[in-house]
């Protein structure tokens, strides 16, 4: 396992983990339960690790694009309509925010 990101809190770590897993990179969160014990002290205990060290470069590039917002912007022109409820969504969404249906193919 290799450290790919140190988060400010557990919610951020799980967001990063979920993003990496959506891109096919197995990831895990460590230290999420330790952060509550420190209160407001600036201590970086919560981190995201990837399972396969060979995927580190790809994970790091994806993470940089995700945090800068460039990853989401690449889909901005690809609007789609939810096949279940008819909601119109912007391209960066992979599931309908209204009903939760996954974006088709």
C-alpha atoms as a PDB file:
ATOM      1  CA  UNK A   1       0.000   0.000   0.000  1.00  0.00           C
ATOM      2  CA  UNK A   2       1.142   3.510  -0.756  1.00  0.00           C
ATOM      3  CA  UNK A   3       0.031   6.873   0.664  1.00  0.00           C
ATOM      4  CA  UNK A   4      -1.603   9.036  -1.987  1.00  0.00           C
ATOM      5  CA  UNK A   5      -3.330  11.791   0.031  1.00  0.00           C
ATOM      6  CA  UNK A   6      -3.409  13.212   3.549  1.00  0.00           C
ATOM      7  CA  UNK A   7      -6.841  14.614   4.337  1.00  0.00           C
ATOM      8  CA  UNK A   8      -8.007  17.299   6.755  1.00  0.00           C
ATOM      9  CA  UNK A   9     -10.871  15.089   7.967  1.00  0.00           C
ATOM     10  CA  UNK A  10     -12.557  11.733   7.346  1.00  0.00           C
ATOM     11  CA  UNK A  11     -15.176  13.147   4.967  1.00  0.00           C
ATOM     12  CA  UNK A  12     -12.467  14.447   2.625  1.00  0.00           C
ATOM     13  CA  UNK A  13     -10.596  11.143   2.809  1.00  0.00           C
ATOM     14  CA  UNK A  14     -13.708   9.148   1.905  1.00  0.00           C
ATOM     15  CA  UNK A  15     -14.491  11.512  -0.967  1.00  0.00           C
ATOM     16  CA  UNK A  16     -10.989  10.922  -2.382  1.00  0.00           C
ATOM     17  CA  UNK A  17     -11.272   7.167  -1.788  1.00  0.00           C
ATOM     18  CA  UNK A  18     -14.599   7.019  -3.604  1.00  0.00           C
ATOM     19  CA  UNK A  19     -13.241   9.003  -6.532  1.00  0.00           C
ATOM     20  CA  UNK A  20     -10.213   6.743  -6.912  1.00  0.00           C
ATOM     21  CA  UNK A  21     -12.365   3.628  -6.696  1.00  0.00           C
ATOM     22  CA  UNK A  22     -14.689   5.047  -9.372  1.00  0.00           C
ATOM     23  CA  UNK A  23     -11.612   5.156 -11.597  1.00  0.00           C
ATOM     24  CA  UNK A  24     -10.723   1.520 -10.898  1.00  0.00           C
ATOM     25  CA  UNK A  25      -8.066   2.123  -8.247  1.00  0.00           C
ATOM     26  CA  UNK A  26      -8.525   0.190  -5.001  1.00  0.00           C
ATOM     27  CA  UNK A  27      -8.076   2.564  -2.066  1.00  0.00           C
ATOM     28  CA  UNK A  28      -8.495   2.638   1.695  1.00  0.00           C
ATOM     29  CA  UNK A  29      -8.731   5.220   4.463  1.00  0.00           C
ATOM     30  CA  UNK A  30      -6.508   5.033   7.524  1.00  0.00           C
ATOM     31  CA  UNK A  31      -6.675   7.026  10.744  1.00  0.00           C
ATOM     32  CA  UNK A  32     -10.225   8.297  10.349  1.00  0.00           C
ATOM     33  CA  UNK A  33     -11.139   7.501  13.947  1.00  0.00           C
ATOM     34  CA  UNK A  34      -8.043   9.190  15.354  1.00  0.00           C
ATOM     35  CA  UNK A  35      -8.974  12.659  14.109  1.00  0.00           C
ATOM     36  CA  UNK A  36     -11.893  13.094  16.522  1.00  0.00           C
ATOM     37  CA  UNK A  37      -9.546  12.696  19.477  1.00  0.00           C
ATOM     38  CA  UNK A  38      -7.461  15.705  18.465  1.00  0.00           C
ATOM     39  CA  UNK A  39     -10.277  18.253  18.340  1.00  0.00           C
ATOM     40  CA  UNK A  40      -9.200  21.381  16.492  1.00  0.00           C
ATOM     41  CA  UNK A  41      -5.464  20.719  16.606  1.00  0.00           C
ATOM     42  CA  UNK A  42      -3.821  20.840  13.146  1.00  0.00           C
ATOM     43  CA  UNK A  43      -2.799  17.184  13.006  1.00  0.00           C
ATOM     44  CA  UNK A  44      -2.833  15.207   9.749  1.00  0.00           C
ATOM     45  CA  UNK A  45      -3.861  11.701  10.776  1.00  0.00           C
ATOM     46  CA  UNK A  46      -6.490  10.769   8.219  1.00  0.00           C
ATOM     47  CA  UNK A  47      -5.024   9.513   4.944  1.00  0.00           C
ATOM     48  CA  UNK A  48      -5.885   7.692   1.729  1.00  0.00           C
ATOM     49  CA  UNK A  49      -3.774   4.756   0.606  1.00  0.00           C
ATOM     50  CA  UNK A  50      -3.888   2.784  -2.633  1.00  0.00           C
ATOM     51  CA  UNK A  51      -3.583  -1.000  -2.605  1.00  0.00           C
ATOM     52  CA  UNK A  52      -1.429  -1.392  -5.731  1.00  0.00           C
ATOM     53  CA  UNK A  53       1.812   0.611  -5.683  1.00  0.00           C
ATOM     54  CA  UNK A  54       2.056   0.254  -9.467  1.00  0.00           C
ATOM     55  CA  UNK A  55      -1.027   2.500  -9.811  1.00  0.00           C
ATOM     56  CA  UNK A  56       0.497   5.346  -7.798  1.00  0.00           C
ATOM     57  CA  UNK A  57       1.376   7.595 -10.762  1.00  0.00           C
ATOM     58  CA  UNK A  58      -2.091   7.227 -12.300  1.00  0.00           C
ATOM     59  CA  UNK A  59      -3.776   7.769  -8.921  1.00  0.00           C
ATOM     60  CA  UNK A  60      -1.684  10.872  -8.276  1.00  0.00           C
ATOM     61  CA  UNK A  61      -2.471  12.359 -11.721  1.00  0.00           C
ATOM     62  CA  UNK A  62      -6.198  11.667 -11.292  1.00  0.00           C
ATOM     63  CA  UNK A  63      -6.160  13.133  -7.799  1.00  0.00           C
ATOM     64  CA  UNK A  64      -4.464  16.342  -8.954  1.00  0.00           C
ATOM     65  CA  UNK A  65      -7.027  16.723 -11.770  1.00  0.00           C
ATOM     66  CA  UNK A  66      -9.866  16.007  -9.320  1.00  0.00           C
ATOM     67  CA  UNK A  67      -8.693  18.554  -6.747  1.00  0.00           C
ATOM     68  CA  UNK A  68      -8.075  21.258  -9.379  1.00  0.00           C
ATOM     69  CA  UNK A  69     -11.499  20.650 -10.953  1.00  0.00           C
ATOM     70  CA  UNK A  70     -10.091  19.824 -14.394  1.00  0.00           C
ATOM     71  CA  UNK A  71     -11.387  16.247 -14.192  1.00  0.00           C
ATOM     72  CA  UNK A  72     -15.019  17.393 -13.873  1.00  0.00           C
ATOM     73  CA  UNK A  73     -14.655  20.111 -16.512  1.00  0.00           C
ATOM     74  CA  UNK A  74     -13.722  17.604 -19.199  1.00  0.00           C
ATOM     75  CA  UNK A  75     -17.326  16.334 -19.101  1.00  0.00           C
ATOM     76  CA  UNK A  76     -19.030  19.731 -18.848  1.00  0.00           C
ATOM     77  CA  UNK A  77     -20.332  19.730 -22.423  1.00  0.00           C
ATOM     78  CA  UNK A  78     -21.818  16.233 -22.217  1.00  0.00           C
ATOM     79  CA  UNK A  79     -25.269  16.862 -20.785  1.00  0.00           C
ATOM     80  CA  UNK A  80     -27.485  13.810 -20.314  1.00  0.00           C
ATOM     81  CA  UNK A  81     -31.028  12.955 -19.318  1.00  0.00           C
ATOM     82  CA  UNK A  82     -31.802  10.378 -16.642  1.00  0.00           C
ATOM     83  CA  UNK A  83     -33.554   7.413 -18.239  1.00  0.00           C
ATOM     84  CA  UNK A  84     -35.527   6.773 -15.032  1.00  0.00           C
ATOM     85  CA  UNK A  85     -36.916  10.159 -13.977  1.00  0.00           C
ATOM     86  CA  UNK A  86     -36.125  12.437 -16.943  1.00  0.00           C
ATOM     87  CA  UNK A  87     -33.950  14.861 -14.933  1.00  0.00           C
ATOM     88  CA  UNK A  88     -31.512  16.841 -17.107  1.00  0.00           C
ATOM     89  CA  UNK A  89     -27.960  16.635 -15.743  1.00  0.00           C
ATOM     90  CA  UNK A  90     -24.572  18.143 -16.498  1.00  0.00           C
ATOM     91  CA  UNK A  91     -21.850  15.905 -17.889  1.00  0.00           C
ATOM     92  CA  UNK A  92     -19.740  15.583 -14.747  1.00  0.00           C
ATOM     93  CA  UNK A  93     -22.465  13.678 -12.894  1.00  0.00           C
ATOM     94  CA  UNK A  94     -22.166   9.889 -13.010  1.00  0.00           C
ATOM     95  CA  UNK A  95     -25.546   9.350 -11.357  1.00  0.00           C
ATOM     96  CA  UNK A  96     -28.806  11.263 -11.246  1.00  0.00           C
ATOM     97  CA  UNK A  97     -28.968  13.526  -8.193  1.00  0.00           C
ATOM     98  CA  UNK A  98     -32.775  13.279  -8.241  1.00  0.00           C
ATOM     99  CA  UNK A  99     -33.273   9.486  -8.164  1.00  0.00           C
ATOM    100  CA  UNK A 100     -29.774   7.953  -7.983  1.00  0.00           C
ATOM    101  CA  UNK A 101     -29.925   6.100 -11.316  1.00  0.00           C
ATOM    102  CA  UNK A 102     -26.456   5.544 -12.829  1.00  0.00           C
ATOM    103  CA  UNK A 103     -25.564   7.352 -16.032  1.00  0.00           C
ATOM    104  CA  UNK A 104     -26.079   5.010 -18.989  1.00  0.00           C
ATOM    105  CA  UNK A 105     -23.030   3.662 -20.885  1.00  0.00           C
END
